């Protein structure tokens, strides 16, 4: 599974700029890996406060029991890396 640094780096490359939403499917993980990874991160308070999930057009995944299609990340997450 991808670690937090890898996820943030991949997000930055896909988003172009922090705060821009990126489809969860763009991370090119299986559905199970996507749901497990993002649910684990969402359940960790120190990490989850920098993550913003949304539901828009596209494939929806279940993240911590909620449907989500996109994620945006606050650049302050670098304080954890």
N, C-alpha and C. Protein backbone atom coordinates (compact mmCIF):
# COMPACT_ATOMS: atom_id res chain seq x y z
N UNK A 1 0.85 -1.18 0.00
CA UNK A 1 0.00 0.00 0.00
C UNK A 1 0.90 1.25 0.00
N UNK A 2 0.40 2.27 -0.60
CA UNK A 2 1.11 3.55 -0.72
C UNK A 2 1.20 4.23 0.65
N UNK A 3 2.36 4.82 0.95
CA UNK A 3 2.48 5.56 2.22
C UNK A 3 2.03 7.01 1.99
N UNK A 4 1.98 7.77 3.07
CA UNK A 4 1.46 9.13 3.02
C UNK A 4 2.29 10.02 2.09
N UNK A 5 3.59 9.93 2.17
CA UNK A 5 4.45 10.75 1.32
C UNK A 5 4.20 10.46 -0.16
N UNK A 6 4.11 9.18 -0.50
CA UNK A 6 3.84 8.79 -1.89
C UNK A 6 2.48 9.31 -2.35
N UNK A 7 1.50 9.22 -1.48
CA UNK A 7 0.16 9.71 -1.82
C UNK A 7 0.18 11.21 -2.07
N UNK A 8 0.83 11.96 -1.19
CA UNK A 8 0.89 13.41 -1.33
C UNK A 8 1.63 13.79 -2.61
N UNK A 9 2.72 13.12 -2.90
CA UNK A 9 3.47 13.40 -4.13
C UNK A 9 2.65 13.09 -5.37
N UNK A 10 1.94 11.96 -5.35
CA UNK A 10 1.10 11.61 -6.49
C UNK A 10 -0.03 12.63 -6.64
N UNK A 11 -0.64 13.01 -5.51
CA UNK A 11 -1.71 14.01 -5.55
C UNK A 11 -1.19 15.31 -6.16
N UNK A 12 -0.04 15.77 -5.70
CA UNK A 12 0.52 17.03 -6.19
C UNK A 12 0.73 16.98 -7.70
N UNK A 13 1.20 15.86 -8.20
CA UNK A 13 1.39 15.71 -9.64
C UNK A 13 0.09 15.71 -10.41
N UNK A 14 -0.93 15.10 -9.86
CA UNK A 14 -2.23 15.03 -10.54
C UNK A 14 -3.01 16.34 -10.43
N UNK A 15 -2.93 16.98 -9.28
CA UNK A 15 -3.74 18.18 -9.03
C UNK A 15 -3.17 19.43 -9.69
N UNK A 16 -1.86 19.48 -9.82
CA UNK A 16 -1.24 20.68 -10.36
C UNK A 16 -1.05 21.74 -9.30
N UNK A 17 -1.98 21.82 -8.36
CA UNK A 17 -1.92 22.79 -7.27
C UNK A 17 -2.72 22.23 -6.10
N UNK A 18 -2.20 22.37 -4.90
CA UNK A 18 -2.91 21.88 -3.72
C UNK A 18 -4.26 22.55 -3.61
N UNK A 19 -5.23 21.77 -3.18
CA UNK A 19 -6.59 22.27 -3.04
C UNK A 19 -7.47 21.92 -4.22
N UNK A 20 -6.86 21.57 -5.35
CA UNK A 20 -7.66 21.16 -6.51
C UNK A 20 -8.14 19.73 -6.32
N UNK A 21 -9.41 19.45 -6.61
CA UNK A 21 -9.91 18.08 -6.47
C UNK A 21 -9.34 17.15 -7.53
N UNK A 22 -9.03 15.94 -7.11
CA UNK A 22 -8.52 14.90 -7.99
C UNK A 22 -9.42 13.68 -7.81
N UNK A 23 -9.80 13.08 -8.92
CA UNK A 23 -10.63 11.87 -8.85
C UNK A 23 -9.84 10.76 -8.15
N UNK A 24 -10.50 10.05 -7.25
CA UNK A 24 -9.85 8.95 -6.55
C UNK A 24 -9.38 7.89 -7.55
N UNK A 25 -10.11 7.74 -8.64
CA UNK A 25 -9.72 6.75 -9.65
C UNK A 25 -8.40 7.11 -10.32
N UNK A 26 -7.99 8.37 -10.29
CA UNK A 26 -6.74 8.80 -10.91
C UNK A 26 -5.51 8.24 -10.21
N UNK A 27 -5.67 7.74 -9.00
CA UNK A 27 -4.54 7.18 -8.27
C UNK A 27 -4.19 5.77 -8.76
N UNK A 28 -5.01 5.24 -9.66
CA UNK A 28 -4.76 3.96 -10.34
C UNK A 28 -4.56 2.79 -9.38
N UNK A 29 -5.38 2.74 -8.35
CA UNK A 29 -5.38 1.62 -7.41
C UNK A 29 -6.64 0.81 -7.66
N UNK A 30 -6.66 -0.42 -7.19
CA UNK A 30 -7.89 -1.21 -7.30
C UNK A 30 -8.95 -0.57 -6.41
N UNK A 31 -10.19 -0.95 -6.62
CA UNK A 31 -11.27 -0.38 -5.80
C UNK A 31 -11.03 -0.67 -4.33
N UNK A 32 -10.66 -1.89 -4.03
CA UNK A 32 -10.41 -2.26 -2.63
C UNK A 32 -9.24 -1.48 -2.04
N UNK A 33 -8.14 -1.36 -2.79
CA UNK A 33 -6.98 -0.60 -2.31
C UNK A 33 -7.34 0.86 -2.08
N UNK A 34 -8.11 1.43 -3.01
CA UNK A 34 -8.53 2.83 -2.89
C UNK A 34 -9.35 3.03 -1.62
N UNK A 35 -10.35 2.18 -1.43
CA UNK A 35 -11.22 2.33 -0.25
C UNK A 35 -10.45 2.09 1.04
N UNK A 36 -9.58 1.09 1.06
CA UNK A 36 -8.81 0.81 2.28
C UNK A 36 -7.83 1.94 2.59
N UNK A 37 -7.10 2.40 1.59
CA UNK A 37 -6.10 3.46 1.81
C UNK A 37 -6.76 4.75 2.30
N UNK A 38 -7.75 5.23 1.56
CA UNK A 38 -8.35 6.51 1.92
C UNK A 38 -9.18 6.43 3.20
N UNK A 39 -9.77 5.28 3.47
CA UNK A 39 -10.49 5.12 4.74
C UNK A 39 -9.52 5.15 5.91
N UNK A 40 -8.39 4.47 5.77
CA UNK A 40 -7.38 4.46 6.84
C UNK A 40 -6.87 5.87 7.10
N UNK A 41 -6.60 6.61 6.05
CA UNK A 41 -6.12 7.99 6.23
C UNK A 41 -7.19 8.88 6.84
N UNK A 42 -8.44 8.68 6.42
CA UNK A 42 -9.54 9.49 6.93
C UNK A 42 -9.81 9.21 8.41
N UNK A 43 -9.50 8.03 8.86
CA UNK A 43 -9.74 7.66 10.25
C UNK A 43 -8.61 8.09 11.19
N UNK A 44 -7.52 8.59 10.64
CA UNK A 44 -6.40 9.08 11.44
C UNK A 44 -6.54 10.59 11.58
N UNK A 45 -6.86 11.07 12.78
CA UNK A 45 -7.13 12.49 12.99
C UNK A 45 -5.98 13.38 12.52
N UNK A 46 -4.74 12.97 12.80
CA UNK A 46 -3.60 13.81 12.43
C UNK A 46 -3.50 14.01 10.92
N UNK A 47 -3.98 13.05 10.16
CA UNK A 47 -3.94 13.13 8.70
C UNK A 47 -5.24 13.68 8.14
N UNK A 48 -6.36 13.20 8.64
CA UNK A 48 -7.67 13.53 8.05
C UNK A 48 -7.99 15.02 8.03
N UNK A 49 -7.42 15.78 8.93
CA UNK A 49 -7.73 17.21 8.96
C UNK A 49 -7.18 17.96 7.74
N UNK A 50 -6.33 17.30 6.95
CA UNK A 50 -5.78 17.90 5.73
C UNK A 50 -6.44 17.38 4.46
N UNK A 51 -7.33 16.39 4.62
CA UNK A 51 -7.97 15.74 3.48
C UNK A 51 -9.41 16.16 3.35
N UNK A 52 -9.84 16.44 2.14
CA UNK A 52 -11.22 16.86 1.89
C UNK A 52 -11.79 15.99 0.77
N UNK A 53 -12.74 15.15 1.13
CA UNK A 53 -13.38 14.27 0.16
C UNK A 53 -14.65 14.93 -0.35
N UNK A 54 -14.95 14.69 -1.61
CA UNK A 54 -16.17 15.23 -2.19
C UNK A 54 -16.81 14.18 -3.10
N UNK A 55 -18.06 14.43 -3.44
CA UNK A 55 -18.80 13.52 -4.31
C UNK A 55 -19.28 14.33 -5.50
N UNK A 56 -18.78 13.99 -6.67
CA UNK A 56 -19.15 14.66 -7.91
C UNK A 56 -19.30 13.59 -8.99
N UNK A 57 -19.19 13.97 -10.23
CA UNK A 57 -19.25 13.00 -11.32
C UNK A 57 -18.05 12.08 -11.25
N UNK A 58 -18.28 10.83 -11.60
CA UNK A 58 -17.20 9.85 -11.62
C UNK A 58 -17.51 8.67 -10.74
N UNK A 59 -16.59 7.73 -10.74
CA UNK A 59 -16.75 6.51 -9.96
C UNK A 59 -16.70 6.84 -8.47
N UNK A 60 -17.69 6.37 -7.73
CA UNK A 60 -17.74 6.61 -6.29
C UNK A 60 -17.14 5.43 -5.53
N UNK A 61 -16.36 5.75 -4.54
CA UNK A 61 -15.77 4.77 -3.63
C UNK A 61 -16.36 5.00 -2.25
N UNK A 62 -16.30 3.97 -1.42
CA UNK A 62 -16.76 4.12 -0.04
C UNK A 62 -15.54 4.41 0.83
N UNK A 63 -15.52 5.63 1.37
CA UNK A 63 -14.42 6.07 2.23
C UNK A 63 -15.01 6.33 3.61
N UNK A 64 -14.61 5.52 4.56
CA UNK A 64 -15.13 5.63 5.92
C UNK A 64 -16.66 5.63 5.94
N UNK A 65 -17.26 4.80 5.11
CA UNK A 65 -18.70 4.65 5.10
C UNK A 65 -19.46 5.66 4.26
N UNK A 66 -18.76 6.60 3.64
CA UNK A 66 -19.38 7.64 2.83
C UNK A 66 -18.93 7.53 1.38
N UNK A 67 -19.81 7.88 0.45
CA UNK A 67 -19.45 7.87 -0.96
C UNK A 67 -18.56 9.08 -1.27
N UNK A 68 -17.49 8.82 -1.99
CA UNK A 68 -16.57 9.90 -2.39
C UNK A 68 -16.03 9.60 -3.78
N UNK A 69 -15.87 10.64 -4.56
CA UNK A 69 -15.31 10.50 -5.91
C UNK A 69 -13.98 11.23 -6.03
N UNK A 70 -13.78 12.28 -5.24
CA UNK A 70 -12.61 13.14 -5.36
C UNK A 70 -11.99 13.45 -4.00
N UNK A 71 -10.74 13.85 -4.05
CA UNK A 71 -10.04 14.30 -2.85
C UNK A 71 -9.28 15.57 -3.18
N UNK A 72 -9.23 16.46 -2.23
CA UNK A 72 -8.31 17.60 -2.30
C UNK A 72 -7.52 17.59 -1.00
N UNK A 73 -6.30 18.06 -1.09
CA UNK A 73 -5.41 18.02 0.07
C UNK A 73 -4.88 19.41 0.35
N UNK A 74 -4.91 19.78 1.62
CA UNK A 74 -4.36 21.06 2.06
C UNK A 74 -2.84 20.97 2.06
N UNK A 75 -2.15 21.99 1.55
CA UNK A 75 -0.68 21.93 1.50
C UNK A 75 -0.02 21.83 2.88
N UNK A 76 -0.75 22.15 3.92
CA UNK A 76 -0.19 22.06 5.27
C UNK A 76 0.11 20.62 5.67
N UNK A 77 -0.32 19.67 4.86
CA UNK A 77 -0.04 18.26 5.17
C UNK A 77 1.47 18.00 5.21
N UNK A 78 2.24 18.86 4.56
CA UNK A 78 3.69 18.71 4.56
C UNK A 78 4.27 18.78 5.99
N UNK A 79 3.52 19.34 6.94
CA UNK A 79 4.00 19.37 8.32
C UNK A 79 4.11 17.96 8.91
N UNK A 80 3.41 17.01 8.31
CA UNK A 80 3.44 15.62 8.79
C UNK A 80 4.50 14.78 8.11
N UNK A 81 5.04 15.28 7.02
CA UNK A 81 5.98 14.45 6.25
C UNK A 81 7.37 14.62 6.73
